[in-house]
Structures are given as structure tokens and as C-alpha cells.
PDB file of N, CA and C in Angstrom:
ATOM      1  N   MET A   1       8.204 -17.312 -24.889  1.00  0.00           N
ATOM      2  CA  MET A   1       7.505 -16.702 -23.780  1.00  0.00           C
ATOM      3  C   MET A   1       8.143 -17.183 -22.480  1.00  0.00           C
ATOM      4  N   SER A   2       8.322 -16.284 -21.566  1.00  0.00           N
ATOM      5  CA  SER A   2       8.985 -16.633 -20.312  1.00  0.00           C
ATOM      6  C   SER A   2       8.026 -17.354 -19.366  1.00  0.00           C
ATOM      7  N   THR A   3       8.593 -18.110 -18.466  1.00  0.00           N
ATOM      8  CA  THR A   3       7.820 -18.837 -17.478  1.00  0.00           C
ATOM      9  C   THR A   3       7.324 -17.879 -16.405  1.00  0.00           C
ATOM     10  N   PHE A   4       6.058 -18.025 -16.026  1.00  0.00           N
ATOM     11  CA  PHE A   4       5.482 -17.196 -14.971  1.00  0.00           C
ATOM     12  C   PHE A   4       6.024 -17.661 -13.627  1.00  0.00           C
ATOM     13  N   ARG A   5       6.637 -16.732 -12.906  1.00  0.00           N
ATOM     14  CA  ARG A   5       7.191 -17.028 -11.585  1.00  0.00           C
ATOM     15  C   ARG A   5       6.464 -16.162 -10.567  1.00  0.00           C
ATOM     16  N   PRO A   6       5.457 -16.719  -9.880  1.00  0.00           N
ATOM     17  CA  PRO A   6       4.624 -15.929  -8.975  1.00  0.00           C
ATOM     18  C   PRO A   6       5.409 -15.172  -7.909  1.00  0.00           C
ATOM     19  N   PHE A   7       6.482 -15.768  -7.401  1.00  0.00           N
ATOM     20  CA  PHE A   7       7.229 -15.110  -6.328  1.00  0.00           C
ATOM     21  C   PHE A   7       7.854 -13.800  -6.789  1.00  0.00           C
ATOM     22  N   ASP A   8       8.050 -13.633  -8.095  1.00  0.00           N
ATOM     23  CA  ASP A   8       8.582 -12.371  -8.606  1.00  0.00           C
ATOM     24  C   ASP A   8       7.610 -11.219  -8.384  1.00  0.00           C
ATOM     25  N   TYR A   9       6.337 -11.530  -8.174  1.00  0.00           N
ATOM     26  CA  TYR A   9       5.307 -10.503  -8.045  1.00  0.00           C
ATOM     27  C   TYR A   9       4.713 -10.440  -6.642  1.00  0.00           C
ATOM     28  N   LEU A  10       5.312 -11.146  -5.695  1.00  0.00           N
ATOM     29  CA  LEU A  10       4.883 -11.095  -4.301  1.00  0.00           C
ATOM     30  C   LEU A  10       5.996 -10.492  -3.469  1.00  0.00           C
ATOM     31  N   ASP A  11       5.605  -9.719  -2.452  1.00  0.00           N
ATOM     32  CA  ASP A  11       6.638  -9.155  -1.589  1.00  0.00           C
ATOM     33  C   ASP A  11       7.117 -10.225  -0.602  1.00  0.00           C
ATOM     34  N   GLN A  12       8.128  -9.896   0.161  1.00  0.00           N
ATOM     35  CA  GLN A  12       8.770 -10.866   1.062  1.00  0.00           C
ATOM     36  C   GLN A  12       7.777 -11.478   2.046  1.00  0.00           C
ATOM     37  N   GLN A  13       6.926 -10.654   2.631  1.00  0.00           N
ATOM     38  CA  GLN A  13       5.951 -11.158   3.597  1.00  0.00           C
ATOM     39  C   GLN A  13       4.962 -12.116   2.928  1.00  0.00           C
ATOM     40  N   GLU A  14       4.505 -11.761   1.746  1.00  0.00           N
ATOM     41  CA  GLU A  14       3.576 -12.625   1.024  1.00  0.00           C
ATOM     42  C   GLU A  14       4.236 -13.943   0.648  1.00  0.00           C
ATOM     43  N   GLN A  15       5.491 -13.902   0.261  1.00  0.00           N
ATOM     44  CA  GLN A  15       6.224 -15.127  -0.060  1.00  0.00           C
ATOM     45  C   GLN A  15       6.309 -16.035   1.160  1.00  0.00           C
ATOM     46  N   GLN A  16       6.586 -15.457   2.317  1.00  0.00           N
ATOM     47  CA  GLN A  16       6.666 -16.243   3.545  1.00  0.00           C
ATOM     48  C   GLN A  16       5.314 -16.858   3.890  1.00  0.00           C
ATOM     49  N   GLU A  17       4.237 -16.091   3.665  1.00  0.00           N
ATOM     50  CA  GLU A  17       2.894 -16.612   3.912  1.00  0.00           C
ATOM     51  C   GLU A  17       2.614 -17.825   3.016  1.00  0.00           C
ATOM     52  N   VAL A  18       2.952 -17.716   1.746  1.00  0.00           N
ATOM     53  CA  VAL A  18       2.724 -18.824   0.814  1.00  0.00           C
ATOM     54  C   VAL A  18       3.507 -20.056   1.259  1.00  0.00           C
ATOM     55  N   LEU A  19       4.754 -19.866   1.637  1.00  0.00           N
ATOM     56  CA  LEU A  19       5.560 -21.001   2.100  1.00  0.00           C
ATOM     57  C   LEU A  19       4.952 -21.635   3.350  1.00  0.00           C
ATOM     58  N   LYS A  20       4.455 -20.805   4.247  1.00  0.00           N
ATOM     59  CA  LYS A  20       3.814 -21.308   5.464  1.00  0.00           C
ATOM     60  C   LYS A  20       2.570 -22.121   5.108  1.00  0.00           C
ATOM     61  N   TYR A  21       1.758 -21.588   4.204  1.00  0.00           N
ATOM     62  CA  TYR A  21       0.547 -22.306   3.806  1.00  0.00           C
ATOM     63  C   TYR A  21       0.865 -23.584   3.036  1.00  0.00           C
ATOM     64  N   GLU A  22       1.912 -23.571   2.233  1.00  0.00           N
ATOM     65  CA  GLU A  22       2.294 -24.793   1.523  1.00  0.00           C
ATOM     66  C   GLU A  22       2.705 -25.885   2.507  1.00  0.00           C
ATOM     67  N   HIS A  23       3.379 -25.494   3.568  1.00  0.00           N
ATOM     68  CA  HIS A  23       3.729 -26.474   4.601  1.00  0.00           C
ATOM     69  C   HIS A  23       2.459 -26.987   5.280  1.00  0.00           C
ATOM     70  N   GLN A  24       1.550 -26.081   5.625  1.00  0.00           N
ATOM     71  CA  GLN A  24       0.299 -26.499   6.261  1.00  0.00           C
ATOM     72  C   GLN A  24      -0.493 -27.431   5.352  1.00  0.00           C
ATOM     73  N   LEU A  25      -0.410 -27.177   4.060  1.00  0.00           N
ATOM     74  CA  LEU A  25      -1.110 -28.023   3.095  1.00  0.00           C
ATOM     75  C   LEU A  25      -0.590 -29.458   3.172  1.00  0.00           C
ATOM     76  N   GLN A  26       0.711 -29.608   3.329  1.00  0.00           N
ATOM     77  CA  GLN A  26       1.321 -30.939   3.387  1.00  0.00           C
ATOM     78  C   GLN A  26       0.934 -31.700   4.645  1.00  0.00           C
ATOM     79  N   VAL A  27       0.635 -30.979   5.714  1.00  0.00           N
ATOM     80  CA  VAL A  27       0.311 -31.652   6.974  1.00  0.00           C
ATOM     81  C   VAL A  27      -1.172 -31.546   7.332  1.00  0.00           C
ATOM     82  N   SER A  28      -1.989 -31.073   6.406  1.00  0.00           N
ATOM     83  CA  SER A  28      -3.422 -30.937   6.684  1.00  0.00           C
ATOM     84  C   SER A  28      -4.017 -32.312   6.969  1.00  0.00           C
ATOM     85  N   ARG A  29      -5.015 -32.313   7.836  1.00  0.00           N
ATOM     86  CA  ARG A  29      -5.562 -33.592   8.284  1.00  0.00           C
ATOM     87  C   ARG A  29      -6.956 -33.881   7.736  1.00  0.00           C
ATOM     88  N   THR A  30      -7.621 -32.851   7.279  1.00  0.00           N
ATOM     89  CA  THR A  30      -8.966 -33.067   6.755  1.00  0.00           C
ATOM     90  C   THR A  30      -9.072 -32.491   5.347  1.00  0.00           C
ATOM     91  N   VAL A  31     -10.060 -32.975   4.637  1.00  0.00           N
ATOM     92  CA  VAL A  31     -10.287 -32.478   3.281  1.00  0.00           C
ATOM     93  C   VAL A  31     -10.658 -31.003   3.321  1.00  0.00           C
ATOM     94  N   SER A  32     -11.508 -30.616   4.254  1.00  0.00           N
ATOM     95  CA  SER A  32     -11.929 -29.210   4.323  1.00  0.00           C
ATOM     96  C   SER A  32     -10.748 -28.297   4.647  1.00  0.00           C
ATOM     97  N   GLU A  33      -9.864 -28.744   5.525  1.00  0.00           N
ATOM     98  CA  GLU A  33      -8.666 -27.966   5.842  1.00  0.00           C
ATOM     99  C   GLU A  33      -7.773 -27.842   4.601  1.00  0.00           C
ATOM    100  N   TYR A  34      -7.594 -28.945   3.903  1.00  0.00           N
ATOM    101  CA  TYR A  34      -6.789 -28.946   2.679  1.00  0.00           C
ATOM    102  C   TYR A  34      -7.373 -27.978   1.651  1.00  0.00           C
ATOM    103  N   LEU A  35      -8.676 -28.039   1.441  1.00  0.00           N
ATOM    104  CA  LEU A  35      -9.324 -27.175   0.452  1.00  0.00           C
ATOM    105  C   LEU A  35      -9.204 -25.702   0.823  1.00  0.00           C
ATOM    106  N   GLU A  36      -9.368 -25.386   2.091  1.00  0.00           N
ATOM    107  CA  GLU A  36      -9.264 -23.993   2.533  1.00  0.00           C
ATOM    108  C   GLU A  36      -7.845 -23.460   2.341  1.00  0.00           C
ATOM    109  N   ILE A  37      -6.857 -24.236   2.719  1.00  0.00           N
ATOM    110  CA  ILE A  37      -5.460 -23.809   2.554  1.00  0.00           C
ATOM    111  C   ILE A  37      -5.125 -23.673   1.068  1.00  0.00           C
ATOM    112  N   ASN A  38      -5.594 -24.603   0.275  1.00  0.00           N
ATOM    113  CA  ASN A  38      -5.349 -24.546  -1.166  1.00  0.00           C
ATOM    114  C   ASN A  38      -5.993 -23.296  -1.778  1.00  0.00           C
ATOM    115  N   ARG A  39      -7.178 -22.923  -1.302  1.00  0.00           N
ATOM    116  CA  ARG A  39      -7.850 -21.712  -1.780  1.00  0.00           C
ATOM    117  C   ARG A  39      -7.027 -20.474  -1.459  1.00  0.00           C
ATOM    118  N   ILE A  40      -6.452 -20.425  -0.261  1.00  0.00           N
ATOM    119  CA  ILE A  40      -5.619 -19.291   0.141  1.00  0.00           C
ATOM    120  C   ILE A  40      -4.386 -19.187  -0.761  1.00  0.00           C
ATOM    121  N   ILE A  41      -3.745 -20.312  -1.014  1.00  0.00           N
ATOM    122  CA  ILE A  41      -2.576 -20.317  -1.909  1.00  0.00           C
ATOM    123  C   ILE A  41      -2.978 -19.851  -3.305  1.00  0.00           C
ATOM    124  N   ASP A  42      -4.122 -20.328  -3.785  1.00  0.00           N
ATOM    125  CA  ASP A  42      -4.614 -19.893  -5.100  1.00  0.00           C
ATOM    126  C   ASP A  42      -4.855 -18.386  -5.137  1.00  0.00           C
ATOM    127  N   ASP A  43      -5.338 -17.825  -4.030  1.00  0.00           N
ATOM    128  CA  ASP A  43      -5.547 -16.372  -3.961  1.00  0.00           C
ATOM    129  C   ASP A  43      -4.228 -15.619  -4.118  1.00  0.00           C
ATOM    130  N   TYR A  44      -3.181 -16.108  -3.482  1.00  0.00           N
ATOM    131  CA  TYR A  44      -1.865 -15.472  -3.630  1.00  0.00           C
ATOM    132  C   TYR A  44      -1.362 -15.585  -5.070  1.00  0.00           C
ATOM    133  N   LEU A  45      -1.585 -16.731  -5.691  1.00  0.00           N
ATOM    134  CA  LEU A  45      -1.173 -16.901  -7.088  1.00  0.00           C
ATOM    135  C   LEU A  45      -1.944 -15.956  -8.006  1.00  0.00           C
ATOM    136  N   GLU A  46      -3.225 -15.785  -7.737  1.00  0.00           N
ATOM    137  CA  GLU A  46      -4.024 -14.854  -8.537  1.00  0.00           C
ATOM    138  C   GLU A  46      -3.544 -13.422  -8.326  1.00  0.00           C
ATOM    139  N   LEU A  47      -3.192 -13.066  -7.103  1.00  0.00           N
ATOM    140  CA  LEU A  47      -2.631 -11.745  -6.826  1.00  0.00           C
ATOM    141  C   LEU A  47      -1.370 -11.519  -7.653  1.00  0.00           C
ATOM    142  N   ALA A  48      -0.522 -12.522  -7.715  1.00  0.00           N
ATOM    143  CA  ALA A  48       0.706 -12.411  -8.511  1.00  0.00           C
ATOM    144  C   ALA A  48       0.384 -12.254  -9.996  1.00  0.00           C
ATOM    145  N   ARG A  49      -0.608 -13.004 -10.482  1.00  0.00           N
ATOM    146  CA  ARG A  49      -1.002 -12.881 -11.898  1.00  0.00           C
ATOM    147  C   ARG A  49      -1.508 -11.474 -12.213  1.00  0.00           C
ATOM    148  N   VAL A  50      -2.310 -10.925 -11.317  1.00  0.00           N
ATOM    149  CA  VAL A  50      -2.846  -9.574 -11.519  1.00  0.00           C
ATOM    150  C   VAL A  50      -1.715  -8.551 -11.515  1.00  0.00           C
ATOM    151  N   ARG A  51      -0.800  -8.678 -10.579  1.00  0.00           N
ATOM    152  CA  ARG A  51       0.332  -7.747 -10.537  1.00  0.00           C
ATOM    153  C   ARG A  51       1.183  -7.852 -11.801  1.00  0.00           C
ATOM    154  N   LYS A  52       1.352  -9.058 -12.308  1.00  0.00           N
ATOM    155  CA  LYS A  52       2.107  -9.243 -13.555  1.00  0.00           C
ATOM    156  C   LYS A  52       1.387  -8.545 -14.698  1.00  0.00           C
ATOM    157  N   ARG A  53       0.085  -8.710 -14.777  1.00  0.00           N
ATOM    158  CA  ARG A  53      -0.687  -8.080 -15.851  1.00  0.00           C
ATOM    159  C   ARG A  53      -0.637  -6.562 -15.742  1.00  0.00           C
ATOM    160  N   ILE A  54      -0.719  -6.027 -14.536  1.00  0.00           N
ATOM    161  CA  ILE A  54      -0.605  -4.578 -14.337  1.00  0.00           C
ATOM    162  C   ILE A  54       0.747  -4.086 -14.834  1.00  0.00           C
ATOM    163  N   ALA A  55       1.805  -4.823 -14.524  1.00  0.00           N
ATOM    164  CA  ALA A  55       3.148  -4.448 -14.990  1.00  0.00           C
ATOM    165  C   ALA A  55       3.211  -4.472 -16.513  1.00  0.00           C
ATOM    166  N   GLU A  56       2.585  -5.472 -17.136  1.00  0.00           N
ATOM    167  CA  GLU A  56       2.567  -5.549 -18.599  1.00  0.00           C
ATOM    168  C   GLU A  56       1.820  -4.367 -19.207  1.00  0.00           C
ATOM    169  N   ILE A  57       0.689  -4.010 -18.622  1.00  0.00           N
ATOM    170  CA  ILE A  57      -0.093  -2.876 -19.125  1.00  0.00           C
ATOM    171  C   ILE A  57       0.700  -1.585 -18.992  1.00  0.00           C
ATOM    172  N   LYS A  58       1.356  -1.410 -17.847  1.00  0.00           N
ATOM    173  CA  LYS A  58       2.181  -0.210 -17.662  1.00  0.00           C
ATOM    174  C   LYS A  58       3.292  -0.148 -18.699  1.00  0.00           C
ATOM    175  N   ASP A  59       3.921  -1.291 -18.974  1.00  0.00           N
ATOM    176  CA  ASP A  59       4.979  -1.329 -19.994  1.00  0.00           C
ATOM    177  C   ASP A  59       4.429  -0.950 -21.367  1.00  0.00           C
ATOM    178  N   GLU A  60       3.249  -1.465 -21.698  1.00  0.00           N
ATOM    179  CA  GLU A  60       2.625  -1.140 -22.982  1.00  0.00           C
ATOM    180  C   GLU A  60       2.318   0.352 -23.076  1.00  0.00           C
ATOM    181  N   LEU A  61       1.783   0.923 -22.003  1.00  0.00           N
ATOM    182  CA  LEU A  61       1.455   2.348 -21.999  1.00  0.00           C
ATOM    183  C   LEU A  61       2.714   3.207 -22.082  1.00  0.00           C
ATOM    184  N   ARG A  62       3.767   2.794 -21.386  1.00  0.00           N
ATOM    185  CA  ARG A  62       5.034   3.535 -21.467  1.00  0.00           C
ATOM    186  C   ARG A  62       5.577   3.512 -22.895  1.00  0.00           C
ATOM    187  N   ALA A  63       5.481   2.360 -23.536  1.00  0.00           N
ATOM    188  CA  ALA A  63       5.976   2.225 -24.909  1.00  0.00           C
ATOM    189  C   ALA A  63       5.210   3.130 -25.868  1.00  0.00           C
ATOM    190  N   LYS A  64       3.949   3.363 -25.558  1.00  0.00           N
ATOM    191  CA  LYS A  64       3.128   4.234 -26.404  1.00  0.00           C
ATOM    192  C   LYS A  64       3.235   5.700 -25.987  1.00  0.00           C
ATOM    193  N   GLY A  65       3.988   5.962 -24.910  1.00  0.00           N
ATOM    194  CA  GLY A  65       4.149   7.329 -24.429  1.00  0.00           C
ATOM    195  C   GLY A  65       2.948   7.855 -23.674  1.00  0.00           C
ATOM    196  N   LYS A  66       2.101   6.957 -23.196  1.00  0.00           N
ATOM    197  CA  LYS A  66       0.880   7.370 -22.503  1.00  0.00           C
ATOM    198  C   LYS A  66       0.981   7.243 -20.986  1.00  0.00           C
ATOM    199  N   LEU A  67       2.161   6.916 -20.493  1.00  0.00           N
ATOM    200  CA  LEU A  67       2.351   6.771 -19.054  1.00  0.00           C
ATOM    201  C   LEU A  67       3.703   7.341 -18.690  1.00  0.00           C
ATOM    202  N   ASP A  68       3.729   8.164 -17.649  1.00  0.00           N
ATOM    203  CA  ASP A  68       4.989   8.732 -17.181  1.00  0.00           C
ATOM    204  C   ASP A  68       5.872   7.624 -16.623  1.00  0.00           C
ATOM    205  N   GLU A  69       7.173   7.860 -16.625  1.00  0.00           N
ATOM    206  CA  GLU A  69       8.124   6.890 -16.074  1.00  0.00           C
ATOM    207  C   GLU A  69       7.952   6.725 -14.566  1.00  0.00           C
ATOM    208  N   ASP A  70       7.343   7.705 -13.891  1.00  0.00           N
ATOM    209  CA  ASP A  70       7.170   7.643 -12.439  1.00  0.00           C
ATOM    210  C   ASP A  70       6.064   6.677 -12.030  1.00  0.00           C
ATOM    211  N   ASN A  71       5.167   6.348 -12.922  1.00  0.00           N
ATOM    212  CA  ASN A  71       4.019   5.493 -12.598  1.00  0.00           C
ATOM    213  C   ASN A  71       4.297   4.050 -12.865  1.00  0.00           C
TER     214      ASN A  71
END
């Protein structure tokens, strides 16, 4: 099984946002700030997971002939 690489499922702007938040996480000064930034990063990771799953479902449907190549 291949390793999940979240950046493969995020666009350029989203990748830059994650990098910005990861930097902010390193310099956060309070626990609440750290937790909020970490939650935002987790949201981006979940977005990537969902996009990966959608791609897998589309591949499965294409293999079964139930999805056009355009979708």
C-alpha cells in the first residue's frame, strides 16, 4: 500500500496555507493558539483524505464502467 501524501491532493494555494500554518504552529505562544492552528492543519489533512477517497471511488466506478472518463 502506498504512503498517503496529503500535498498530492491539495492545490498550490492550499499547500502554501498549510506551510504558513505549520510555521505559525512552531512559533505559537499560547496553548489555545497552538490548538487552533493545529485544528486548521488537521482540517486541510482531512480535506486531502476526502479528495483521495473521492479519487479512489471514481477509479472504482470507471473500472466497473459506471463512470464516464470525463468525470
